[in-house]
């Protein structure tokens, strides 16, 4: 792995098979078993539930919402879009994520490699013939390597969390919306209207999203000429865009291709969210299968 990185300067204001289905589980599409509660015994994505992580998650979103401005996103896309920091394989990137836990996630406190494999294996159970979707499950969070020192060790608020468009009004469906009032764009007339700098039906590809691992991994896949289908790239880029695929916000910015790809994203989201559990995956057992998919859809070494 070749590393050629300089530290950026940022200003911060602030799966194991089960023979029987237990009573507290639900079946999803016949194969994957969906738990009713997360790793902490609570409902999924309950940001107000009292737990050991509730306070830190809320503070994370306050910092995120204050600092994710239109100008900040443009700067980060320009800086990281050149992909001149690291050369490594997809699997090497997966292994790097062993070091990190997502501070924005109220449902899981396991290292990221666990979540990647849980997601991929859950999809594989219900969609055995859609190998591109299995691989998308494995790699969808790889952009979180932005947290690694080789990438400048970006703060978590600039890497993880729910994503949202910048350059237009912040929709109230975005988690902890109240903290946007401290964002400089909130009162900027160029950015605080329904369309802002965009137009109706312009297509999400023309919309700047808050900077983080979603957009970064999309850039990595696209610029390294991955042969994943359009829906796979769409999932990677918008899987944290809950305001869209859970609340239906920002649909006025979508074009026809977005509408079709959103169908796959909604399928994917069930596994991204509900596969989070304490059930461990035997990495060595499934590794050969995923290495074959990586070889099919990606070059051996990628620029990051």
Protein backbone atom coordinates (compact mmCIF):
# COMPACT_ATOMS: atom_id res chain seq x y z
CA UNK A 1 0.00 0.00 0.00
CA UNK A 2 1.51 3.32 -1.08
CA UNK A 3 0.71 6.31 1.14
CA UNK A 4 1.31 9.88 -0.05
CA UNK A 5 -0.86 12.03 2.17
CA UNK A 6 -0.71 15.39 3.86
CA UNK A 7 -2.86 16.26 6.85
CA UNK A 8 -5.79 18.55 5.95
CA UNK A 9 -6.63 21.45 8.23
CA UNK A 10 -10.24 21.62 9.38
CA UNK A 11 -11.88 24.13 11.65
CA UNK A 12 -14.35 22.54 14.03
CA UNK A 13 -16.73 24.63 16.08
CA UNK A 14 -17.74 22.67 18.52
CA UNK A 15 -23.55 -14.02 10.04
CA UNK A 16 -24.24 -17.07 11.89
CA UNK A 17 -27.22 -19.28 10.78
CA UNK A 18 -30.14 -19.95 13.12
CA UNK A 19 -32.18 -23.14 13.12
CA UNK A 20 -35.19 -21.60 14.82
CA UNK A 21 -36.69 -18.12 14.71
CA UNK A 22 -36.91 -16.62 18.18
CA UNK A 23 -40.07 -14.88 19.37
CA UNK A 24 -38.56 -11.39 19.11
CA UNK A 25 -37.50 -11.77 15.48
CA UNK A 26 -39.26 -11.23 12.17
CA UNK A 27 -38.63 -12.86 8.83
CA UNK A 28 -37.69 -10.60 5.91
CA UNK A 29 -38.22 -11.93 2.39
CA UNK A 30 -37.85 -15.51 3.61
CA UNK A 31 -34.13 -15.74 4.37
CA UNK A 32 -32.68 -12.96 6.49
CA UNK A 33 -33.97 -12.77 10.06
CA UNK A 34 -34.76 -9.22 11.20
CA UNK A 35 -34.36 -8.47 14.92
CA UNK A 36 -36.93 -6.22 16.56
CA UNK A 37 -34.26 -4.46 18.62
CA UNK A 38 -30.72 -3.22 18.07
CA UNK A 39 -27.55 -4.20 19.92
CA UNK A 40 -28.68 -2.17 22.94
CA UNK A 41 -32.17 -3.69 23.16
CA UNK A 42 -33.92 -0.64 21.66
CA UNK A 43 -35.76 0.10 18.42
CA UNK A 44 -33.54 1.00 15.46
CA UNK A 45 -32.63 4.63 14.74
CA UNK A 46 -34.26 5.94 17.92
CA UNK A 47 -32.14 9.03 18.50
CA UNK A 48 -34.06 10.01 21.62
CA UNK A 49 -33.83 6.69 23.42
CA UNK A 50 -31.85 6.81 26.63
CA UNK A 51 -28.73 4.72 26.14
CA UNK A 52 -25.02 4.83 26.75
CA UNK A 53 -24.58 6.42 23.30
CA UNK A 54 -27.53 8.83 23.12
CA UNK A 55 -25.67 11.91 24.37
CA UNK A 56 -22.57 11.41 22.23
CA UNK A 57 -24.67 10.75 19.10
CA UNK A 58 -26.61 13.98 19.60
CA UNK A 59 -23.43 15.98 20.14
CA UNK A 60 -22.04 14.43 16.97
CA UNK A 61 -25.01 15.70 14.95
CA UNK A 62 -24.78 19.16 16.44
CA UNK A 63 -21.19 19.47 15.25
CA UNK A 64 -22.03 17.92 11.89
CA UNK A 65 -24.97 20.21 11.21
CA UNK A 66 -23.08 23.36 12.14
CA UNK A 67 -20.07 22.63 9.93
CA UNK A 68 -21.49 20.95 6.81
CA UNK A 69 -21.85 24.02 4.61
CA UNK A 70 -21.98 24.38 0.82
CA UNK A 71 -18.46 25.84 0.72
CA UNK A 72 -17.07 23.13 3.00
CA UNK A 73 -18.47 20.35 0.79
CA UNK A 74 -17.04 21.93 -2.38
CA UNK A 75 -13.63 22.20 -0.72
CA UNK A 76 -13.61 18.57 0.42
CA UNK A 77 -14.76 17.18 -2.95
CA UNK A 78 -12.01 19.11 -4.69
CA UNK A 79 -9.39 18.00 -2.18
CA UNK A 80 -10.29 14.32 -1.95
CA UNK A 81 -11.58 13.85 -5.50
CA UNK A 82 -8.04 13.79 -6.87
CA UNK A 83 -7.53 10.34 -5.26
CA UNK A 84 -3.81 10.79 -4.67
CA UNK A 85 -3.46 9.54 -1.11
CA UNK A 86 -3.30 5.75 -1.12
CA UNK A 87 -3.15 2.84 -3.55
CA UNK A 88 -4.67 -0.34 -2.17
CA UNK A 89 -7.14 -3.11 -2.87
CA UNK A 90 -10.76 -3.23 -1.73
CA UNK A 91 -9.97 -5.96 0.83
CA UNK A 92 -7.04 -3.99 2.26
CA UNK A 93 -9.47 -1.14 2.79
CA UNK A 94 -11.93 -3.47 4.55
CA UNK A 95 -9.19 -4.48 6.98
CA UNK A 96 -8.36 -0.86 7.76
CA UNK A 97 -11.89 -0.36 9.07
CA UNK A 98 -11.26 -2.82 11.92
CA UNK A 99 -9.94 0.15 13.89
CA UNK A 100 -13.12 2.26 13.88
CA UNK A 101 -16.56 2.51 15.49
CA UNK A 102 -19.12 4.93 14.00
CA UNK A 103 -19.92 7.63 16.60
CA UNK A 104 -23.11 8.63 14.77
CA UNK A 105 -24.75 5.19 14.94
CA UNK A 106 -27.13 4.62 17.87
CA UNK A 107 -27.61 0.94 16.94
CA UNK A 108 -24.14 -0.59 16.94
CA UNK A 109 -20.77 -0.27 18.63
CA UNK A 110 -18.90 -3.00 16.75
CA UNK A 111 -15.93 -2.34 14.41
CA UNK A 112 -17.00 -1.46 10.88
CA UNK A 113 -15.75 -4.69 9.26
CA UNK A 114 -18.43 -6.52 11.26
CA UNK A 115 -21.20 -4.31 9.87
CA UNK A 116 -19.93 -4.66 6.29
CA UNK A 117 -20.05 -8.44 6.40
CA UNK A 118 -23.36 -8.53 8.28
CA UNK A 119 -24.94 -6.37 5.59
CA UNK A 120 -23.47 -8.34 2.68
CA UNK A 121 -24.39 -11.74 4.09
CA UNK A 122 -27.93 -10.65 4.93
CA UNK A 123 -28.46 -9.50 1.34
CA UNK A 124 -26.92 -12.69 0.01
CA UNK A 125 -29.53 -14.77 1.83
CA UNK A 126 -32.48 -13.06 0.17
CA UNK A 127 -30.96 -12.11 -3.21
CA UNK A 128 -28.56 -14.97 -4.01
CA UNK A 129 -28.37 -14.12 -7.73
CA UNK A 130 -27.64 -10.39 -7.38
CA UNK A 131 -23.90 -10.62 -6.75
CA UNK A 132 -23.40 -6.89 -7.43
CA UNK A 133 -25.72 -6.18 -4.50
CA UNK A 134 -23.71 -8.49 -2.22
CA UNK A 135 -20.54 -6.59 -3.11
CA UNK A 136 -22.28 -3.25 -2.67
CA UNK A 137 -23.20 -4.38 0.85
CA UNK A 138 -19.58 -5.18 1.57
CA UNK A 139 -18.10 -1.92 0.27
CA UNK A 140 -20.83 0.65 0.95
CA UNK A 141 -19.10 2.02 4.08
CA UNK A 142 -15.48 1.79 2.93
CA UNK A 143 -15.33 5.56 2.64
CA UNK A 144 -14.99 5.60 6.42
CA UNK A 145 -11.27 5.12 5.88
CA UNK A 146 -11.30 8.93 5.84
CA UNK A 147 -10.99 8.49 9.61
CA UNK A 148 -7.61 6.79 9.16
CA UNK A 149 -4.34 8.73 9.62
CA UNK A 150 -3.38 7.84 6.04
CA UNK A 151 -6.29 10.03 4.91
CA UNK A 152 -5.67 12.85 7.36
CA UNK A 153 -7.74 11.40 10.22
CA UNK A 154 -10.80 13.50 9.44
CA UNK A 155 -13.13 14.12 12.39
CA UNK A 156 -16.16 11.84 12.58
CA UNK A 157 -18.57 14.67 11.79
CA UNK A 158 -16.92 14.97 8.35
CA UNK A 159 -17.09 11.22 7.65
CA UNK A 160 -20.17 9.52 9.11
CA UNK A 161 -23.81 10.25 9.94
CA UNK A 162 -26.97 10.81 7.92
CA UNK A 163 -26.35 12.84 4.77
CA UNK A 164 -28.40 15.68 3.27
CA UNK A 165 -28.14 18.16 0.38
CA UNK A 166 -26.30 21.44 0.88
CA UNK A 167 -27.07 24.48 -1.22
CA UNK A 168 -30.80 24.35 -0.48
CA UNK A 169 -33.04 24.37 2.60
CA UNK A 170 -32.39 21.72 5.25
CA UNK A 171 -35.51 19.55 5.45
CA UNK A 172 -37.05 19.05 8.88
CA UNK A 173 -36.92 15.27 8.45
CA UNK A 174 -33.12 15.30 8.86
CA UNK A 175 -32.22 13.93 12.30
CA UNK A 176 -31.60 16.64 14.93
CA UNK A 177 -32.68 19.32 12.45
CA UNK A 178 -32.69 21.99 15.19
CA UNK A 179 -28.90 22.29 15.05
CA UNK A 180 -28.95 23.54 11.47
CA UNK A 181 -29.95 26.93 12.89
CA UNK A 182 -26.29 27.37 13.80
CA UNK A 183 -25.12 26.55 10.25
CA UNK A 184 -24.00 29.67 8.30
CA UNK A 185 -26.08 28.55 5.28
CA UNK A 186 -29.30 28.46 7.30
CA UNK A 187 -29.94 32.19 6.89
CA UNK A 188 -28.24 32.59 3.52
CA UNK A 189 -30.93 33.47 0.93
CA UNK A 190 -28.88 31.75 -1.80
CA UNK A 191 -29.12 28.43 0.03
CA UNK A 192 -32.16 28.42 2.32
CA UNK A 193 -35.03 28.00 -0.17
CA UNK A 194 -36.65 24.75 -1.37
CA UNK A 195 -34.54 24.63 -4.55
CA UNK A 196 -31.61 26.83 -3.51
CA UNK A 197 -28.95 26.61 -6.23
CA UNK A 198 -30.75 23.69 -7.94
CA UNK A 199 -33.79 23.25 -10.19
CA UNK A 200 -36.72 20.85 -10.22
CA UNK A 201 -35.79 17.42 -11.57
CA UNK A 202 -32.12 18.36 -11.97
CA UNK A 203 -31.02 14.90 -10.81
CA UNK A 204 -29.25 13.98 -7.59
CA UNK A 205 -25.99 13.64 -9.50
CA UNK A 206 -26.05 17.44 -9.81
CA UNK A 207 -26.74 17.99 -6.10
CA UNK A 208 -23.97 18.46 -3.53
CA UNK A 209 -24.46 16.20 -0.53
CA UNK A 210 -22.97 16.76 2.91
CA UNK A 211 -19.40 15.48 2.83
CA UNK A 212 -18.64 12.04 4.20
CA UNK A 213 -17.89 8.42 3.48
CA UNK A 214 -20.84 7.96 1.07
CA UNK A 215 -19.74 10.57 -1.44
CA UNK A 216 -16.08 9.71 -1.08
CA UNK A 217 -16.57 5.98 -1.78
CA UNK A 218 -18.76 6.89 -4.75
CA UNK A 219 -15.91 8.99 -6.16
CA UNK A 220 -13.44 6.15 -5.57
CA UNK A 221 -15.65 3.60 -7.35
CA UNK A 222 -16.48 5.88 -10.25
CA UNK A 223 -12.97 7.20 -10.90
CA UNK A 224 -11.46 3.72 -10.67
CA UNK A 225 -13.94 2.62 -13.34
CA UNK A 226 -15.85 0.05 -11.31
CA UNK A 227 -18.27 -1.98 -13.42
CA UNK A 228 -20.96 -2.00 -10.72
CA UNK A 229 -24.36 -1.10 -12.21
CA UNK A 230 -25.81 2.37 -11.79
CA UNK A 231 -27.95 1.18 -8.89
CA UNK A 232 -24.87 -0.01 -7.00
CA UNK A 233 -23.16 3.37 -7.32
CA UNK A 234 -26.41 5.09 -6.31
CA UNK A 235 -26.63 2.95 -3.17
CA UNK A 236 -23.06 3.74 -2.22
CA UNK A 237 -23.60 7.47 -2.64
CA UNK A 238 -27.01 7.81 -0.97
CA UNK A 239 -27.34 4.99 1.58
CA UNK A 240 -27.07 7.50 4.44
CA UNK A 241 -29.58 9.88 2.80
CA UNK A 242 -32.41 8.85 5.15
CA UNK A 243 -34.37 12.04 4.57
CA UNK A 244 -34.95 10.78 1.02
CA UNK A 245 -35.39 7.05 1.29
CA UNK A 246 -37.21 7.02 4.62
CA UNK A 247 -39.06 10.37 4.70
CA UNK A 248 -39.49 11.14 0.97
CA UNK A 249 -37.82 14.54 1.28
CA UNK A 250 -36.00 16.19 -1.65
CA UNK A 251 -37.85 14.10 -4.26
CA UNK A 252 -38.36 17.31 -6.26
CA UNK A 253 -34.65 17.17 -7.16
CA UNK A 254 -34.75 13.62 -8.58
CA UNK A 255 -34.78 12.63 -12.24
CA UNK A 256 -36.11 9.40 -13.81
CA UNK A 257 -32.89 7.44 -13.28
CA UNK A 258 -32.91 8.42 -9.60
CA UNK A 259 -36.47 7.13 -9.26
CA UNK A 260 -35.49 3.72 -10.64
CA UNK A 261 -32.32 3.47 -8.53
CA UNK A 262 -34.18 4.50 -5.40
CA UNK A 263 -36.13 1.23 -5.59
CA UNK A 264 -32.89 -0.69 -5.09
CA UNK A 265 -31.73 1.67 -2.35
CA UNK A 266 -34.90 1.01 -0.36
CA UNK A 267 -34.28 -2.73 -0.69
CA UNK A 268 -30.67 -2.28 0.40
CA UNK A 269 -31.55 -0.09 3.37
CA UNK A 270 -33.40 -2.91 5.14
CA UNK A 271 -30.19 -4.91 5.30
CA UNK A 272 -27.91 -1.96 6.05
CA UNK A 273 -30.06 -1.06 9.05
CA UNK A 274 -31.48 -4.30 10.41
CA UNK A 275 -28.44 -6.55 9.98
CA UNK A 276 -26.66 -4.71 12.82
CA UNK A 277 -26.36 -7.23 15.64
CA UNK A 278 -23.95 -9.06 17.91
CA UNK A 279 -23.98 -12.06 15.56
CA UNK A 280 -20.43 -12.52 14.30
CA UNK A 281 -19.44 -13.45 10.75
CA UNK A 282 -16.65 -15.96 10.07
CA UNK A 283 -14.44 -13.70 7.97
CA UNK A 284 -12.16 -16.43 6.64
CA UNK A 285 -15.11 -18.54 5.56
CA UNK A 286 -16.73 -15.84 3.40
CA UNK A 287 -13.55 -14.07 2.26
CA UNK A 288 -12.96 -16.16 -0.93
CA UNK A 289 -16.46 -15.39 -2.21
CA UNK A 290 -16.09 -11.65 -1.76
CA UNK A 291 -12.60 -11.62 -3.24
CA UNK A 292 -14.09 -13.16 -6.39
CA UNK A 293 -16.70 -10.38 -6.56
CA UNK A 294 -14.10 -7.69 -6.03
CA UNK A 295 -12.08 -9.12 -8.92
CA UNK A 296 -15.18 -9.10 -11.11
CA UNK A 297 -16.19 -5.49 -10.51
CA UNK A 298 -12.97 -3.64 -9.54
CA UNK A 299 -9.31 -3.41 -10.56
CA UNK A 300 -6.78 -5.15 -8.32
CA UNK A 301 -5.48 -1.86 -6.90
CA UNK A 302 -7.48 1.34 -6.57
CA UNK A 303 -6.46 4.95 -6.15
CA UNK A 304 -7.97 6.47 -3.01
